[in-house]
Amino acid sequence: MTTTAILPERGLSDRLTATFWRRPRLLLVLLLTPPLLWLGVVYLGSLAALLWQSFYSIDEFSGMVVPEFTLKTYAELFRPANLDIIIRTVSMSAAVTLGCAVLAFPIAYYAARYARGRWKAVFYLGIMLPLWSSYLVKVYAWKLILAKEGIIGWAATGAGLGGVLDAVLAIPVIGGNSLSTSYIGTFLVFVYVWLPYMILPMQAALERVPTSMLEASADLGASRSQTFRTVILPLAMPGVIAGSIFTFSLTLGDYIIPSIIGNSANFIGMAVYQFQGTAGNIPLAAAFAVVPILIMLVYLTLARRAGAFDAL
């Protein structure tokens, strides 16, 4: 006598599992649809609205937005005051990127070539730890450090270097009453905040440099400086460019650090904030916001050709 096995009735979860197993593309579509909708509607939609409003203008008499297509707002970017803002921002971004690269390279090289085991863990902890603290707390802490009565001024006076600090602050354009009200202070805070974003891509690129190439360079009679110029630096350049993408773009759009550290000179981020807020000139704010986007599109195109994305 044979008995027939009675299987329990399949529930909804079992039927869904079987359906997704038979149709894996359906599962892929369901998983990708929400983030793609968010990207398309919220992110790309806001960028499209921003670009669209940049072609509007402001009526000079009423102060109201005129919703008619015009290039008048973009022409205002070439006024001396607005052009100075763009040049100032791009110059600071380039200087911060260069400063981060100079400081990050020896740190990344040591981590890639010599740090092992626990020391490599300490390296990653030391690089990532500043990123865990509040952005505003770090900036305001630096404002106190760079103030005229801050620790740097106190240390310089105690070491008999107060005259040197005053001479540096007396340099035209970049100087000021104190480090906290000068472009030097703004530069220092930018470098401190963005330095980890330069170190990590550099370290990843330097770890990919084969040791055999360094040994071959030494066997062929190259000095350490020659090996650095002809072997290490070219192979590490994608990591340098990858790190510069972060430091350059983040400095280009930041408005918090320039508004807290430095003088009252405007940067692009501050101009966007002011024009869309207190001034109410949304078209000009949108036109200013398009400038970093265009600059980064060109920068990313050049970085891709240089193979920088391989080091990300």
C-alpha atoms as a PDB file:
ATOM      1  CA  MET A   1       0.000   0.000   0.000  1.00  0.00           C
ATOM      2  CA  THR A   2       1.485   3.328  -1.082  1.00  0.00           C
ATOM      3  CA  THR A   3       0.805   6.645   0.537  1.00  0.00           C
ATOM      4  CA  THR A   4       0.793   9.992  -1.212  1.00  0.00           C
ATOM      5  CA  ALA A   5       2.826  12.735   0.400  1.00  0.00           C
ATOM      6  CA  ILE A   6       0.776  15.806   1.208  1.00  0.00           C
ATOM      7  CA  LEU A   7       2.833  18.965   0.706  1.00  0.00           C
ATOM      8  CA  PRO A   8       1.888  22.074   2.613  1.00  0.00           C
ATOM      9  CA  GLU A   9       0.249  24.820   0.633  1.00  0.00           C
ATOM     10  CA  ARG A  10       2.768  27.232  -0.819  1.00  0.00           C
ATOM     11  CA  GLY A  11       2.645  30.679   0.701  1.00  0.00           C
ATOM     12  CA  LEU A  12       3.054  34.027  -0.979  1.00  0.00           C
ATOM     13  CA  SER A  13       6.768  34.207  -0.183  1.00  0.00           C
ATOM     14  CA  ASP A  14       7.369  30.798  -1.764  1.00  0.00           C
ATOM     15  CA  ARG A  15       5.505  31.791  -4.919  1.00  0.00           C
ATOM     16  CA  LEU A  16       7.461  35.066  -5.157  1.00  0.00           C
ATOM     17  CA  THR A  17      10.749  33.242  -4.656  1.00  0.00           C
ATOM     18  CA  ALA A  18       9.892  30.802  -7.437  1.00  0.00           C
ATOM     19  CA  THR A  19       8.846  33.649  -9.737  1.00  0.00           C
ATOM     20  CA  PHE A  20      12.074  35.590  -9.155  1.00  0.00           C
ATOM     21  CA  TRP A  21      14.111  32.405  -9.621  1.00  0.00           C
ATOM     22  CA  ARG A  22      12.481  31.756 -12.991  1.00  0.00           C
ATOM     23  CA  ARG A  23      12.656  35.419 -14.018  1.00  0.00           C
ATOM     24  CA  PRO A  24      15.852  36.964 -12.635  1.00  0.00           C
ATOM     25  CA  ARG A  25      15.473  40.038 -14.840  1.00  0.00           C
ATOM     26  CA  LEU A  26      12.199  40.867 -13.097  1.00  0.00           C
ATOM     27  CA  LEU A  27      14.010  40.891  -9.751  1.00  0.00           C
ATOM     28  CA  LEU A  28      16.728  43.116 -11.237  1.00  0.00           C
ATOM     29  CA  VAL A  29      14.122  45.585 -12.520  1.00  0.00           C
ATOM     30  CA  LEU A  30      12.374  45.728  -9.138  1.00  0.00           C
ATOM     31  CA  LEU A  31      15.661  46.334  -7.317  1.00  0.00           C
ATOM     32  CA  LEU A  32      16.904  49.040  -9.687  1.00  0.00           C
ATOM     33  CA  THR A  33      13.661  50.940 -10.240  1.00  0.00           C
ATOM     34  CA  PRO A  34      13.506  52.833  -6.872  1.00  0.00           C
ATOM     35  CA  PRO A  35      17.111  54.170  -6.949  1.00  0.00           C
ATOM     36  CA  LEU A  36      16.852  55.006 -10.651  1.00  0.00           C
ATOM     37  CA  LEU A  37      13.613  56.888 -10.043  1.00  0.00           C
ATOM     38  CA  TRP A  38      15.273  58.768  -7.184  1.00  0.00           C
ATOM     39  CA  LEU A  39      18.280  59.582  -9.364  1.00  0.00           C
ATOM     40  CA  GLY A  40      16.166  60.604 -12.327  1.00  0.00           C
ATOM     41  CA  VAL A  41      13.488  62.612 -10.551  1.00  0.00           C
ATOM     42  CA  VAL A  42      15.242  64.133  -7.554  1.00  0.00           C
ATOM     43  CA  TYR A  43      18.851  64.532  -8.708  1.00  0.00           C
ATOM     44  CA  LEU A  44      18.679  64.907 -12.478  1.00  0.00           C
ATOM     45  CA  GLY A  45      15.329  66.676 -12.200  1.00  0.00           C
ATOM     46  CA  SER A  46      16.750  69.281  -9.838  1.00  0.00           C
ATOM     47  CA  LEU A  47      19.760  69.796 -12.106  1.00  0.00           C
ATOM     48  CA  ALA A  48      17.443  70.253 -15.084  1.00  0.00           C
ATOM     49  CA  ALA A  49      15.351  72.786 -13.144  1.00  0.00           C
ATOM     50  CA  LEU A  50      18.530  74.579 -12.120  1.00  0.00           C
ATOM     51  CA  LEU A  51      19.761  74.752 -15.701  1.00  0.00           C
ATOM     52  CA  TRP A  52      16.357  75.909 -16.918  1.00  0.00           C
ATOM     53  CA  GLN A  53      16.132  78.748 -14.378  1.00  0.00           C
ATOM     54  CA  SER A  54      19.625  79.941 -15.284  1.00  0.00           C
ATOM     55  CA  PHE A  55      18.185  81.060 -18.641  1.00  0.00           C
ATOM     56  CA  TYR A  56      15.660  83.343 -16.898  1.00  0.00           C
ATOM     57  CA  SER A  57      16.410  86.903 -15.838  1.00  0.00           C
ATOM     58  CA  ILE A  58      15.478  89.441 -13.171  1.00  0.00           C
ATOM     59  CA  ASP A  59      13.455  92.543 -13.977  1.00  0.00           C
ATOM     60  CA  GLU A  60      15.603  95.468 -12.850  1.00  0.00           C
ATOM     61  CA  PHE A  61      12.608  97.562 -11.761  1.00  0.00           C
ATOM     62  CA  SER A  62      10.305  95.062 -10.038  1.00  0.00           C
ATOM     63  CA  GLY A  63      12.923  92.507  -8.980  1.00  0.00           C
ATOM     64  CA  MET A  64      10.666  89.698 -10.238  1.00  0.00           C
ATOM     65  CA  VAL A  65      11.881  86.705 -12.218  1.00  0.00           C
ATOM     66  CA  VAL A  66      11.096  87.009 -15.922  1.00  0.00           C
ATOM     67  CA  PRO A  67      10.434  83.437 -17.216  1.00  0.00           C
ATOM     68  CA  GLU A  68      11.695  84.082 -20.746  1.00  0.00           C
ATOM     69  CA  PHE A  69      14.664  82.426 -22.402  1.00  0.00           C
ATOM     70  CA  THR A  70      17.686  84.737 -22.405  1.00  0.00           C
ATOM     71  CA  LEU A  71      21.463  84.638 -22.071  1.00  0.00           C
ATOM     72  CA  LYS A  72      21.477  87.910 -20.144  1.00  0.00           C
ATOM     73  CA  THR A  73      22.086  86.149 -16.816  1.00  0.00           C
ATOM     74  CA  TYR A  74      25.129  84.304 -18.157  1.00  0.00           C
ATOM     75  CA  ALA A  75      26.463  87.582 -19.508  1.00  0.00           C
ATOM     76  CA  GLU A  76      26.335  88.956 -15.957  1.00  0.00           C
ATOM     77  CA  LEU A  77      28.889  86.315 -14.930  1.00  0.00           C
ATOM     78  CA  PHE A  78      31.471  88.237 -16.962  1.00  0.00           C
ATOM     79  CA  ARG A  79      31.044  91.402 -14.962  1.00  0.00           C
ATOM     80  CA  PRO A  80      34.281  92.213 -13.091  1.00  0.00           C
ATOM     81  CA  ALA A  81      32.796  91.482  -9.637  1.00  0.00           C
ATOM     82  CA  ASN A  82      31.308  88.132 -10.656  1.00  0.00           C
ATOM     83  CA  LEU A  83      34.335  87.137 -12.712  1.00  0.00           C
ATOM     84  CA  ASP A  84      36.548  87.815  -9.690  1.00  0.00           C
ATOM     85  CA  ILE A  85      34.439  85.366  -7.677  1.00  0.00           C
ATOM     86  CA  ILE A  86      34.928  82.628 -10.277  1.00  0.00           C
ATOM     87  CA  ILE A  87      38.680  83.261 -10.614  1.00  0.00           C
ATOM     88  CA  ARG A  88      39.109  83.405  -6.826  1.00  0.00           C
ATOM     89  CA  THR A  89      37.276  80.100  -6.354  1.00  0.00           C
ATOM     90  CA  VAL A  90      39.120  78.260  -9.117  1.00  0.00           C
ATOM     91  CA  SER A  91      42.480  79.594  -7.883  1.00  0.00           C
ATOM     92  CA  MET A  92      41.785  78.472  -4.317  1.00  0.00           C
ATOM     93  CA  SER A  93      40.619  75.055  -5.570  1.00  0.00           C
ATOM     94  CA  ALA A  94      43.819  74.611  -7.583  1.00  0.00           C
ATOM     95  CA  ALA A  95      46.009  75.740  -4.671  1.00  0.00           C
ATOM     96  CA  VAL A  96      44.245  73.403  -2.225  1.00  0.00           C
ATOM     97  CA  THR A  97      44.568  70.504  -4.656  1.00  0.00           C
ATOM     98  CA  LEU A  98      48.283  71.143  -5.102  1.00  0.00           C
ATOM     99  CA  GLY A  99      48.816  71.497  -1.343  1.00  0.00           C
ATOM    100  CA  CYS A 100      46.937  68.266  -0.622  1.00  0.00           C
ATOM    101  CA  ALA A 101      48.960  66.418  -3.261  1.00  0.00           C
ATOM    102  CA  VAL A 102      52.285  67.575  -1.809  1.00  0.00           C
ATOM    103  CA  LEU A 103      51.309  66.621   1.747  1.00  0.00           C
ATOM    104  CA  ALA A 104      49.520  63.394   0.853  1.00  0.00           C
ATOM    105  CA  PHE A 105      52.189  61.799  -1.334  1.00  0.00           C
ATOM    106  CA  PRO A 106      54.793  60.957   1.360  1.00  0.00           C
ATOM    107  CA  ILE A 107      52.055  59.739   3.726  1.00  0.00           C
ATOM    108  CA  ALA A 108      50.499  57.539   1.047  1.00  0.00           C
ATOM    109  CA  TYR A 109      53.905  56.257  -0.073  1.00  0.00           C
ATOM    110  CA  TYR A 110      54.861  55.224   3.455  1.00  0.00           C
ATOM    111  CA  ALA A 111      51.506  53.477   3.940  1.00  0.00           C
ATOM    112  CA  ALA A 112      51.780  51.639   0.620  1.00  0.00           C
ATOM    113  CA  ARG A 113      55.428  50.573   0.899  1.00  0.00           C
ATOM    114  CA  TYR A 114      56.307  50.239   4.566  1.00  0.00           C
ATOM    115  CA  ALA A 115      53.165  50.006   6.732  1.00  0.00           C
ATOM    116  CA  ARG A 116      52.260  46.410   7.533  1.00  0.00           C
ATOM    117  CA  GLY A 117      49.838  44.687   9.870  1.00  0.00           C
ATOM    118  CA  ARG A 118      48.889  46.823  12.843  1.00  0.00           C
ATOM    119  CA  TRP A 119      50.662  49.877  11.468  1.00  0.00           C
ATOM    120  CA  LYS A 120      48.492  49.792   8.347  1.00  0.00           C
ATOM    121  CA  ALA A 121      45.397  49.605  10.562  1.00  0.00           C
ATOM    122  CA  VAL A 122      46.709  52.586  12.531  1.00  0.00           C
ATOM    123  CA  PHE A 123      47.252  54.408   9.241  1.00  0.00           C
ATOM    124  CA  TYR A 124      43.669  53.865   8.090  1.00  0.00           C
ATOM    125  CA  LEU A 125      42.342  54.811  11.518  1.00  0.00           C
ATOM    126  CA  GLY A 126      44.389  58.006  11.550  1.00  0.00           C
ATOM    127  CA  ILE A 127      43.188  58.975   8.073  1.00  0.00           C
ATOM    128  CA  MET A 128      39.532  58.145   8.649  1.00  0.00           C
ATOM    129  CA  LEU A 129      39.209  59.424  12.229  1.00  0.00           C
ATOM    130  CA  PRO A 130      38.918  63.136  11.288  1.00  0.00           C
ATOM    131  CA  LEU A 131      36.087  62.244   8.906  1.00  0.00           C
ATOM    132  CA  TRP A 132      34.015  60.912  11.807  1.00  0.00           C
ATOM    133  CA  SER A 133      33.847  64.272  13.578  1.00  0.00           C
ATOM    134  CA  SER A 134      31.455  67.066  12.721  1.00  0.00           C
ATOM    135  CA  TYR A 135      32.414  69.255   9.785  1.00  0.00           C
ATOM    136  CA  LEU A 136      31.301  72.444  11.533  1.00  0.00           C
ATOM    137  CA  VAL A 137      33.091  71.519  14.749  1.00  0.00           C
ATOM    138  CA  LYS A 138      36.359  71.120  12.864  1.00  0.00           C
ATOM    139  CA  VAL A 139      35.960  74.439  11.053  1.00  0.00           C
ATOM    140  CA  TYR A 140      35.127  76.387  14.215  1.00  0.00           C
ATOM    141  CA  ALA A 141      38.000  74.676  16.036  1.00  0.00           C
ATOM    142  CA  TRP A 142      40.348  75.889  13.316  1.00  0.00           C
ATOM    143  CA  LYS A 143      38.911  79.399  13.638  1.00  0.00           C
ATOM    144  CA  LEU A 144      40.029  79.409  17.271  1.00  0.00           C
ATOM    145  CA  ILE A 145      43.421  77.897  16.388  1.00  0.00           C
ATOM    146  CA  LEU A 146      44.070  80.507  13.668  1.00  0.00           C
ATOM    147  CA  ALA A 147      42.773  83.494  15.643  1.00  0.00           C
ATOM    148  CA  LYS A 148      45.180  86.247  16.646  1.00  0.00           C
ATOM    149  CA  GLU A 149      45.122  84.977  20.226  1.00  0.00           C
ATOM    150  CA  GLY A 150      45.069  81.330  19.102  1.00  0.00           C
ATOM    151  CA  ILE A 151      47.610  78.597  19.688  1.00  0.00           C
ATOM    152  CA  ILE A 152      49.572  79.300  16.492  1.00  0.00           C
ATOM    153  CA  GLY A 153      50.027  82.959  17.377  1.00  0.00           C
ATOM    154  CA  TRP A 154      50.899  82.018  20.967  1.00  0.00           C
ATOM    155  CA  ALA A 155      53.468  79.412  19.808  1.00  0.00           C
ATOM    156  CA  ALA A 156      55.006  81.831  17.287  1.00  0.00           C
ATOM    157  CA  THR A 157      55.364  84.531  19.937  1.00  0.00           C
ATOM    158  CA  GLY A 158      56.835  82.083  22.441  1.00  0.00           C
ATOM    159  CA  ALA A 159      59.368  80.836  19.910  1.00  0.00           C
ATOM    160  CA  GLY A 160      60.372  84.346  18.928  1.00  0.00           C
ATOM    161  CA  LEU A 161      58.779  83.987  15.478  1.00  0.00           C
ATOM    162  CA  GLY A 162      56.078  86.593  15.921  1.00  0.00           C
ATOM    163  CA  GLY A 163      57.831  88.858  13.421  1.00  0.00           C
ATOM    164  CA  VAL A 164      57.871  86.067  10.833  1.00  0.00           C
ATOM    165  CA  LEU A 165      54.139  85.467  11.284  1.00  0.00           C
ATOM    166  CA  ASP A 166      53.455  89.192  10.972  1.00  0.00           C
ATOM    167  CA  ALA A 167      55.582  89.318   7.810  1.00  0.00           C
ATOM    168  CA  VAL A 168      53.567  86.455   6.308  1.00  0.00           C
ATOM    169  CA  LEU A 169      50.288  88.153   7.210  1.00  0.00           C
ATOM    170  CA  ALA A 170      51.563  91.368   5.611  1.00  0.00           C
ATOM    171  CA  ILE A 171      51.852  89.714   2.185  1.00  0.00           C
ATOM    172  CA  PRO A 172      49.426  91.472  -0.181  1.00  0.00           C
ATOM    173  CA  VAL A 173      46.253  89.655  -1.263  1.00  0.00           C
ATOM    174  CA  ILE A 174      46.766  86.472   0.793  1.00  0.00           C
ATOM    175  CA  GLY A 175      47.518  88.172   4.135  1.00  0.00           C
ATOM    176  CA  GLY A 176      45.243  89.740   6.723  1.00  0.00           C
ATOM    177  CA  ASN A 177      44.930  90.869  10.329  1.00  0.00           C
ATOM    178  CA  SER A 178      45.244  87.253  11.491  1.00  0.00           C
ATOM    179  CA  LEU A 179      45.374  83.785  10.004  1.00  0.00           C
ATOM    180  CA  SER A 180      41.657  83.343  10.645  1.00  0.00           C
ATOM    181  CA  THR A 181      40.845  86.381   8.477  1.00  0.00           C
ATOM    182  CA  SER A 182      43.219  85.666   5.584  1.00  0.00           C
ATOM    183  CA  TYR A 183      43.332  83.515   2.488  1.00  0.00           C
ATOM    184  CA  ILE A 184      46.208  81.616   4.131  1.00  0.00           C
ATOM    185  CA  GLY A 185      43.873  80.481   6.887  1.00  0.00           C
ATOM    186  CA  THR A 186      41.183  79.515   4.387  1.00  0.00           C
ATOM    187  CA  PHE A 187      43.771  77.497   2.465  1.00  0.00           C
ATOM    188  CA  LEU A 188      44.997  75.713   5.615  1.00  0.00           C
ATOM    189  CA  VAL A 189      41.494  74.698   6.689  1.00  0.00           C
ATOM    190  CA  PHE A 190      40.584  73.485   3.204  1.00  0.00           C
ATOM    191  CA  VAL A 191      43.750  71.361   3.063  1.00  0.00           C
ATOM    192  CA  TYR A 192      43.100  69.876   6.503  1.00  0.00           C
ATOM    193  CA  VAL A 193      39.476  68.980   5.740  1.00  0.00           C
ATOM    194  CA  TRP A 194      40.035  67.473   2.271  1.00  0.00           C
ATOM    195  CA  LEU A 195      43.450  65.826   2.816  1.00  0.00           C
ATOM    196  CA  PRO A 196      42.046  62.305   3.506  1.00  0.00           C
ATOM    197  CA  TYR A 197      40.298  62.343   0.133  1.00  0.00           C
ATOM    198  CA  MET A 198      43.691  62.788  -1.522  1.00  0.00           C
ATOM    199  CA  ILE A 199      45.633  60.286   0.589  1.00  0.00           C
ATOM    200  CA  LEU A 200      43.408  57.241   0.036  1.00  0.00           C
ATOM    201  CA  PRO A 201      43.375  57.251  -3.826  1.00  0.00           C
ATOM    202  CA  MET A 202      47.122  57.937  -3.823  1.00  0.00           C
ATOM    203  CA  GLN A 203      47.764  55.045  -1.470  1.00  0.00           C
ATOM    204  CA  ALA A 204      45.656  52.718  -3.645  1.00  0.00           C
ATOM    205  CA  ALA A 205      47.599  53.743  -6.763  1.00  0.00           C
ATOM    206  CA  LEU A 206      51.004  53.372  -5.082  1.00  0.00           C
ATOM    207  CA  GLU A 207      50.149  49.866  -3.878  1.00  0.00           C
ATOM    208  CA  ARG A 208      49.698  48.878  -7.527  1.00  0.00           C
ATOM    209  CA  VAL A 209      53.263  49.908  -8.423  1.00  0.00           C
ATOM    210  CA  PRO A 210      55.144  46.577  -8.839  1.00  0.00           C
ATOM    211  CA  THR A 211      58.182  46.176  -6.608  1.00  0.00           C
ATOM    212  CA  SER A 212      59.928  44.450  -9.511  1.00  0.00           C
ATOM    213  CA  MET A 213      59.889  47.723 -11.480  1.00  0.00           C
ATOM    214  CA  LEU A 214      61.601  49.550  -8.631  1.00  0.00           C
ATOM    215  CA  GLU A 215      64.194  46.794  -8.386  1.00  0.00           C
ATOM    216  CA  ALA A 216      64.735  46.861 -12.157  1.00  0.00           C
ATOM    217  CA  SER A 217      65.226  50.622 -12.022  1.00  0.00           C
ATOM    218  CA  ALA A 218      67.846  50.222  -9.298  1.00  0.00           C
ATOM    219  CA  ASP A 219      69.590  47.408 -11.223  1.00  0.00           C
ATOM    220  CA  LEU A 220      69.858  49.665 -14.259  1.00  0.00           C
ATOM    221  CA  GLY A 221      71.727  52.235 -12.193  1.00  0.00           C
ATOM    222  CA  ALA A 222      68.950  54.764 -11.633  1.00  0.00           C
ATOM    223  CA  SER A 223      69.203  56.909  -8.530  1.00  0.00           C
ATOM    224  CA  ARG A 224      66.294  57.260  -6.124  1.00  0.00           C
ATOM    225  CA  SER A 225      65.311  60.603  -7.598  1.00  0.00           C
ATOM    226  CA  GLN A 226      65.389  59.157 -11.119  1.00  0.00           C
ATOM    227  CA  THR A 227      63.296  56.196 -10.029  1.00  0.00           C
ATOM    228  CA  PHE A 228      60.788  58.551  -8.464  1.00  0.00           C
ATOM    229  CA  ARG A 229      60.546  60.750 -11.567  1.00  0.00           C
ATOM    230  CA  THR A 230      60.483  58.027 -14.200  1.00  0.00           C
ATOM    231  CA  VAL A 231      58.769  55.091 -12.454  1.00  0.00           C
ATOM    232  CA  ILE A 232      56.870  55.923  -9.266  1.00  0.00           C
ATOM    233  CA  LEU A 233      55.354  59.295 -10.180  1.00  0.00           C
ATOM    234  CA  PRO A 234      54.010  58.305 -13.638  1.00  0.00           C
ATOM    235  CA  LEU A 235      52.447  55.127 -12.245  1.00  0.00           C
ATOM    236  CA  ALA A 236      50.992  56.977  -9.252  1.00  0.00           C
ATOM    237  CA  MET A 237      49.635  59.852 -11.334  1.00  0.00           C
ATOM    238  CA  PRO A 238      46.165  58.256 -11.818  1.00  0.00           C
ATOM    239  CA  GLY A 239      45.822  58.195  -8.020  1.00  0.00           C
ATOM    240  CA  VAL A 240      46.928  61.816  -7.786  1.00  0.00           C
ATOM    241  CA  ILE A 241      44.370  62.853 -10.402  1.00  0.00           C
ATOM    242  CA  ALA A 242      41.663  60.750  -8.728  1.00  0.00           C
ATOM    243  CA  GLY A 243      42.342  62.476  -5.409  1.00  0.00           C
ATOM    244  CA  SER A 244      42.347  65.860  -7.102  1.00  0.00           C
ATOM    245  CA  ILE A 245      38.823  65.196  -8.351  1.00  0.00           C
ATOM    246  CA  PHE A 246      37.637  65.164  -4.745  1.00  0.00           C
ATOM    247  CA  THR A 247      39.727  68.059  -3.436  1.00  0.00           C
ATOM    248  CA  PHE A 248      39.107  70.312  -6.443  1.00  0.00           C
ATOM    249  CA  SER A 249      35.360  69.706  -6.675  1.00  0.00           C
ATOM    250  CA  LEU A 250      34.751  69.921  -2.930  1.00  0.00           C
ATOM    251  CA  THR A 251      36.641  73.214  -2.674  1.00  0.00           C
ATOM    252  CA  LEU A 252      34.888  74.522  -5.773  1.00  0.00           C
ATOM    253  CA  GLY A 253      31.426  74.183  -4.247  1.00  0.00           C
ATOM    254  CA  ASP A 254      32.068  74.729  -0.539  1.00  0.00           C
ATOM    255  CA  TYR A 255      30.632  77.841   1.091  1.00  0.00           C
ATOM    256  CA  ILE A 256      30.901  77.077   4.811  1.00  0.00           C
ATOM    257  CA  ILE A 257      34.675  77.344   5.220  1.00  0.00           C
ATOM    258  CA  PRO A 258      35.001  80.674   3.296  1.00  0.00           C
ATOM    259  CA  SER A 259      32.109  82.127   5.288  1.00  0.00           C
ATOM    260  CA  ILE A 260      33.737  81.228   8.646  1.00  0.00           C
ATOM    261  CA  ILE A 261      37.466  81.448   7.858  1.00  0.00           C
ATOM    262  CA  GLY A 262      38.974  84.285   5.845  1.00  0.00           C
ATOM    263  CA  ASN A 263      37.848  87.739   4.853  1.00  0.00           C
ATOM    264  CA  SER A 264      34.517  88.733   3.387  1.00  0.00           C
ATOM    265  CA  ALA A 265      35.508  87.934  -0.208  1.00  0.00           C
ATOM    266  CA  ASN A 266      32.929  85.791  -1.993  1.00  0.00           C
ATOM    267  CA  PHE A 267      33.390  82.318  -3.422  1.00  0.00           C
ATOM    268  CA  ILE A 268      31.017  80.572  -5.823  1.00  0.00           C
ATOM    269  CA  GLY A 269      29.230  78.647  -3.072  1.00  0.00           C
ATOM    270  CA  MET A 270      28.736  81.810  -1.019  1.00  0.00           C
ATOM    271  CA  ALA A 271      27.492  83.688  -4.083  1.00  0.00           C
ATOM    272  CA  VAL A 272      24.908  80.974  -4.831  1.00  0.00           C
ATOM    273  CA  TYR A 273      23.736  81.045  -1.214  1.00  0.00           C
ATOM    274  CA  GLN A 274      23.439  84.823  -1.136  1.00  0.00           C
ATOM    275  CA  PHE A 275      21.798  85.288  -4.530  1.00  0.00           C
ATOM    276  CA  GLN A 276      19.123  82.647  -3.967  1.00  0.00           C
ATOM    277  CA  GLY A 277      18.558  83.766  -0.365  1.00  0.00           C
ATOM    278  CA  THR A 278      18.866  87.383   0.676  1.00  0.00           C
ATOM    279  CA  ALA A 279      19.196  88.848  -2.834  1.00  0.00           C
ATOM    280  CA  GLY A 280      16.396  86.757  -4.334  1.00  0.00           C
ATOM    281  CA  ASN A 281      18.166  86.580  -7.695  1.00  0.00           C
ATOM    282  CA  ILE A 282      17.507  82.910  -8.420  1.00  0.00           C
ATOM    283  CA  PRO A 283      18.536  83.040 -12.127  1.00  0.00           C
ATOM    284  CA  LEU A 284      21.975  84.440 -11.277  1.00  0.00           C
ATOM    285  CA  ALA A 285      22.353  81.929  -8.439  1.00  0.00           C
ATOM    286  CA  ALA A 286      21.504  79.143 -10.897  1.00  0.00           C
ATOM    287  CA  ALA A 287      24.004  80.505 -13.440  1.00  0.00           C
ATOM    288  CA  PHE A 288      26.722  80.568 -10.758  1.00  0.00           C
ATOM    289  CA  ALA A 289      25.821  76.989  -9.783  1.00  0.00           C
ATOM    290  CA  VAL A 290      26.231  75.852 -13.386  1.00  0.00           C
ATOM    291  CA  VAL A 291      29.840  77.110 -13.467  1.00  0.00           C
ATOM    292  CA  PRO A 292      31.281  74.375 -11.158  1.00  0.00           C
ATOM    293  CA  ILE A 293      29.285  71.748 -13.043  1.00  0.00           C
ATOM    294  CA  LEU A 294      30.815  72.786 -16.357  1.00  0.00           C
ATOM    295  CA  ILE A 295      34.306  73.003 -14.866  1.00  0.00           C
ATOM    296  CA  MET A 296      34.009  69.525 -13.331  1.00  0.00           C
ATOM    297  CA  LEU A 297      32.644  68.023 -16.554  1.00  0.00           C
ATOM    298  CA  VAL A 298      35.777  69.185 -18.365  1.00  0.00           C
ATOM    299  CA  TYR A 299      37.965  68.081 -15.451  1.00  0.00           C
ATOM    300  CA  LEU A 300      36.382  64.623 -15.271  1.00  0.00           C
ATOM    301  CA  THR A 301      36.775  64.157 -19.015  1.00  0.00           C
ATOM    302  CA  LEU A 302      40.491  64.898 -18.783  1.00  0.00           C
ATOM    303  CA  ALA A 303      40.828  62.720 -15.668  1.00  0.00           C
ATOM    304  CA  ARG A 304      39.150  59.793 -17.413  1.00  0.00           C
ATOM    305  CA  ARG A 305      41.566  60.041 -20.318  1.00  0.00           C
ATOM    306  CA  ALA A 306      44.428  59.957 -17.809  1.00  0.00           C
ATOM    307  CA  GLY A 307      43.076  56.733 -16.281  1.00  0.00           C
ATOM    308  CA  ALA A 308      42.266  58.329 -12.916  1.00  0.00           C
ATOM    309  CA  PHE A 309      39.086  56.301 -12.431  1.00  0.00           C
ATOM    310  CA  ASP A 310      41.185  53.117 -12.153  1.00  0.00           C
ATOM    311  CA  ALA A 311      42.537  54.421  -8.835  1.00  0.00           C
ATOM    312  CA  LEU A 312      39.131  55.109  -7.275  1.00  0.00           C
END
